């Protein structure tokens, strides 16, 4: 058995779904532009620089989920996927995924973005296995808090190993493993697999890939 792991934002899609979701809510006037747009941009720059405080960011990003009923959020999400995400799917994404599926590999999207936003994106891409940051729920509504370990940096390894354990698997279950990512934030997990692949990488990951002879590809 072989394992194929895919980061989502700026890897399978040519943009960041977390950032785009907040911008979409601003457009829908569900968030105040003056209060949220500059902060959203600030967090995005911190992420790209590798300096993001994930708990501070999640407090900012998940609170809006608690301010609106679930049915309204789901209605907005359907529009968001169609209008904002589908156009961002990189040209080479489906071919890459289909190649691994044809080989019978276990395919998983693993992302720091919360599962409410990313679950329908994964299904749009034909992948049913998703490991994402999980927003807390109570009585079917979101509380604005995170539950469990955020799926970010080393947390991606923790969350993946927990998922594998739940499915009676370990790293030793796989003869080979791939992880495709664009970000320096994914260096911990990239360093764990047998085949790390830098996809349209940021400058730090590109340098690391060059120094370690990792493949560098573009899906755009």
Protein backbone atom coordinates (compact mmCIF):
# COMPACT_ATOMS: atom_id res chain seq x y z
CA UNK A 1 0.00 0.00 0.00
CA UNK A 2 1.13 3.56 -0.75
CA UNK A 3 0.07 6.86 0.81
CA UNK A 4 -0.52 10.14 -1.02
CA UNK A 5 -0.99 13.25 1.10
CA UNK A 6 -2.01 16.59 -0.36
CA UNK A 7 -1.92 20.03 1.19
CA UNK A 8 -4.84 22.09 -0.09
CA UNK A 9 -4.22 25.84 -0.05
CA UNK A 10 -1.80 27.16 -2.69
CA UNK A 11 -1.12 23.53 -3.60
CA UNK A 12 -4.20 21.86 -5.08
CA UNK A 13 -5.86 25.25 -5.44
CA UNK A 14 -4.14 28.46 -6.52
CA UNK A 15 -5.17 30.41 -3.45
CA UNK A 16 -5.90 30.11 0.25
CA UNK A 17 -9.40 28.92 1.13
CA UNK A 18 -9.15 30.26 4.71
CA UNK A 19 -8.29 33.73 3.45
CA UNK A 20 -10.86 33.58 0.65
CA UNK A 21 -13.62 32.47 3.04
CA UNK A 22 -13.06 35.48 5.28
CA UNK A 23 -13.00 37.78 2.25
CA UNK A 24 -16.22 36.17 1.00
CA UNK A 25 -17.94 36.79 4.35
CA UNK A 26 -16.81 40.41 4.15
CA UNK A 27 -18.37 40.64 0.68
CA UNK A 28 -21.62 39.17 2.06
CA UNK A 29 -21.49 41.79 4.83
CA UNK A 30 -21.41 38.98 7.38
CA UNK A 31 -18.15 40.52 8.63
CA UNK A 32 -17.34 44.18 8.97
CA UNK A 33 -14.82 45.13 6.27
CA UNK A 34 -13.08 47.80 8.33
CA UNK A 35 -12.58 45.50 11.30
CA UNK A 36 -11.71 42.26 9.53
CA UNK A 37 -10.06 42.84 6.16
CA UNK A 38 -6.77 44.28 7.44
CA UNK A 39 -6.58 41.59 10.13
CA UNK A 40 -7.24 38.85 7.59
CA UNK A 41 -4.41 40.15 5.41
CA UNK A 42 -2.12 40.40 8.43
CA UNK A 43 -2.70 36.78 9.41
CA UNK A 44 -2.16 35.64 5.81
CA UNK A 45 1.21 37.42 5.67
CA UNK A 46 2.20 35.83 8.99
CA UNK A 47 1.29 32.40 7.61
CA UNK A 48 3.42 32.93 4.51
CA UNK A 49 6.30 34.13 6.69
CA UNK A 50 6.07 31.13 9.01
CA UNK A 51 5.31 33.29 12.05
CA UNK A 52 1.59 32.57 12.47
CA UNK A 53 0.24 31.94 15.98
CA UNK A 54 -2.29 29.28 15.03
CA UNK A 55 -4.41 29.68 18.16
CA UNK A 56 -4.68 33.44 17.73
CA UNK A 57 -5.61 32.93 14.10
CA UNK A 58 -8.23 30.27 14.83
CA UNK A 59 -9.84 32.55 17.41
CA UNK A 60 -10.20 35.12 14.62
CA UNK A 61 -11.23 32.66 11.91
CA UNK A 62 -13.70 30.46 13.78
CA UNK A 63 -15.63 33.09 15.73
CA UNK A 64 -17.68 34.12 12.66
CA UNK A 65 -19.01 30.55 12.48
CA UNK A 66 -20.63 31.06 15.89
CA UNK A 67 -22.41 34.29 14.88
CA UNK A 68 -24.67 32.77 12.25
CA UNK A 69 -27.00 29.75 12.18
CA UNK A 70 -25.69 26.62 10.53
CA UNK A 71 -28.22 26.73 7.68
CA UNK A 72 -27.08 30.25 6.71
CA UNK A 73 -23.41 29.25 6.83
CA UNK A 74 -24.08 26.25 4.62
CA UNK A 75 -25.97 28.39 2.12
CA UNK A 76 -23.07 30.81 1.96
CA UNK A 77 -20.60 27.94 1.69
CA UNK A 78 -22.32 26.50 -1.39
CA UNK A 79 -22.03 29.86 -3.13
CA UNK A 80 -18.42 30.23 -1.93
CA UNK A 81 -17.34 26.89 -3.38
CA UNK A 82 -18.95 27.59 -6.75
CA UNK A 83 -17.88 31.18 -7.17
CA UNK A 84 -14.56 31.39 -5.33
CA UNK A 85 -12.98 27.93 -5.07
CA UNK A 86 -13.79 26.06 -8.29
CA UNK A 87 -12.06 28.77 -10.39
CA UNK A 88 -8.96 28.35 -8.22
CA UNK A 89 -8.52 24.62 -8.85
CA UNK A 90 -5.12 24.37 -10.50
CA UNK A 91 -5.03 22.86 -14.03
CA UNK A 92 -2.79 19.95 -13.02
CA UNK A 93 -4.60 19.09 -9.79
CA UNK A 94 -7.11 16.54 -11.02
CA UNK A 95 -4.50 14.74 -13.15
CA UNK A 96 -2.16 14.44 -10.14
CA UNK A 97 -4.92 13.07 -7.89
CA UNK A 98 -6.22 10.69 -10.55
CA UNK A 99 -2.72 9.31 -11.09
CA UNK A 100 -2.43 8.30 -7.45
CA UNK A 101 -5.96 6.91 -7.40
CA UNK A 102 -5.31 4.78 -10.49
CA UNK A 103 -2.29 3.35 -8.67
CA UNK A 104 -4.55 2.39 -5.77
CA UNK A 105 -2.88 4.77 -3.32
CA UNK A 106 -4.60 5.95 -0.16
CA UNK A 107 -5.28 9.64 -0.89
CA UNK A 108 -5.78 12.17 1.91
CA UNK A 109 -6.08 15.95 1.89
CA UNK A 110 -4.43 17.30 5.03
CA UNK A 111 -4.94 21.00 5.71
CA UNK A 112 -4.79 23.61 8.44
CA UNK A 113 -8.01 25.17 7.17
CA UNK A 114 -11.09 24.11 9.11
CA UNK A 115 -13.20 21.18 7.95
CA UNK A 116 -16.38 23.23 7.50
CA UNK A 117 -14.71 25.14 4.68
CA UNK A 118 -12.63 22.30 3.25
CA UNK A 119 -14.89 19.22 3.35
CA UNK A 120 -16.86 20.19 0.22
CA UNK A 121 -13.63 21.24 -1.52
CA UNK A 122 -12.15 17.78 -0.93
CA UNK A 123 -15.28 16.15 -2.33
CA UNK A 124 -15.17 18.46 -5.36
CA UNK A 125 -11.66 17.13 -5.98
CA UNK A 126 -12.84 13.54 -5.59
CA UNK A 127 -11.06 12.83 -2.30
CA UNK A 128 -13.16 11.45 0.55
CA UNK A 129 -10.41 11.38 3.18
CA UNK A 130 -9.86 14.75 4.85
CA UNK A 131 -7.77 15.68 7.86
CA UNK A 132 -8.39 19.31 8.83
CA UNK A 133 -8.62 21.61 11.81
CA UNK A 134 -11.92 20.83 13.52
CA UNK A 135 -14.26 23.61 14.71
CA UNK A 136 -16.10 22.84 17.94
CA UNK A 137 -19.84 22.23 17.71
CA UNK A 138 -22.64 22.22 20.27
CA UNK A 139 -26.17 21.15 19.39
CA UNK A 140 -25.31 21.31 15.71
CA UNK A 141 -24.05 24.90 15.83
CA UNK A 142 -20.48 26.18 15.96
CA UNK A 143 -19.09 27.59 19.21
CA UNK A 144 -16.30 29.62 17.58
CA UNK A 145 -13.62 27.46 19.20
CA UNK A 146 -11.36 24.69 17.93
CA UNK A 147 -11.53 21.12 19.11
CA UNK A 148 -8.47 18.89 19.33
CA UNK A 149 -5.04 19.64 17.88
CA UNK A 150 -4.97 22.21 15.06
CA UNK A 151 -3.83 20.56 11.82
CA UNK A 152 -0.85 22.91 11.43
CA UNK A 153 2.93 22.39 11.26
CA UNK A 154 3.84 19.51 13.65
CA UNK A 155 0.13 19.19 14.40
CA UNK A 156 -0.34 17.73 10.93
CA UNK A 157 1.85 14.79 11.93
CA UNK A 158 -0.08 14.30 15.18
CA UNK A 159 -3.43 14.45 13.40
CA UNK A 160 -2.28 12.13 10.60
CA UNK A 161 -0.90 9.51 12.98
CA UNK A 162 -4.13 9.66 15.00
CA UNK A 163 -6.16 9.17 11.79
CA UNK A 164 -3.99 6.24 10.74
CA UNK A 165 -4.33 4.65 14.16
CA UNK A 166 -8.13 4.94 13.94
CA UNK A 167 -7.95 3.04 10.65
CA UNK A 168 -5.58 0.38 12.05
CA UNK A 169 -2.64 1.76 10.07
CA UNK A 170 0.81 3.18 10.85
CA UNK A 171 3.65 4.63 8.79
CA UNK A 172 4.92 1.06 8.46
CA UNK A 173 1.73 0.12 6.61
CA UNK A 174 3.02 1.98 3.53
CA UNK A 175 5.85 1.00 1.24
CA UNK A 176 6.02 4.56 -0.05
CA UNK A 177 4.46 7.88 0.93
CA UNK A 178 4.11 11.23 -0.83
CA UNK A 179 3.28 14.68 0.48
CA UNK A 180 2.61 17.57 -1.86
CA UNK A 181 2.83 21.07 -0.40
CA UNK A 182 3.70 24.66 -1.23
CA UNK A 183 4.56 25.89 2.25
CA UNK A 184 7.48 26.16 4.63
CA UNK A 185 4.92 25.44 7.37
CA UNK A 186 4.71 21.87 6.08
CA UNK A 187 8.40 21.06 6.41
CA UNK A 188 7.78 18.78 9.44
CA UNK A 189 5.45 16.48 7.49
CA UNK A 190 7.40 16.78 4.25
CA UNK A 191 10.42 15.47 6.15
CA UNK A 192 8.47 12.38 7.32
CA UNK A 193 7.41 10.95 3.95
CA UNK A 194 9.54 8.96 1.53
CA UNK A 195 8.66 11.28 -1.38
CA UNK A 196 8.34 14.97 -0.41
CA UNK A 197 7.26 17.14 -3.33
CA UNK A 198 7.32 20.94 -3.37
CA UNK A 199 4.40 22.34 -5.38
CA UNK A 200 4.61 25.95 -6.58
CA UNK A 201 6.63 26.48 -3.38
CA UNK A 202 7.31 29.59 -1.35
CA UNK A 203 10.91 30.81 -1.31
CA UNK A 204 11.87 29.00 1.90
CA UNK A 205 10.48 25.66 0.79
CA UNK A 206 12.02 26.08 -2.67
CA UNK A 207 15.46 26.61 -1.10
CA UNK A 208 14.99 23.60 1.19
CA UNK A 209 13.85 21.45 -1.73
CA UNK A 210 16.84 22.46 -3.85
CA UNK A 211 19.26 21.72 -1.01
CA UNK A 212 17.73 18.28 -0.40
CA UNK A 213 17.06 17.27 -4.02
CA UNK A 214 13.30 17.19 -3.54
CA UNK A 215 11.21 17.38 -6.72
CA UNK A 216 9.70 20.79 -7.44
CA UNK A 217 6.57 20.83 -9.62
CA UNK A 218 3.86 23.26 -10.68
CA UNK A 219 0.17 22.42 -11.01
CA UNK A 220 -0.70 25.86 -12.40
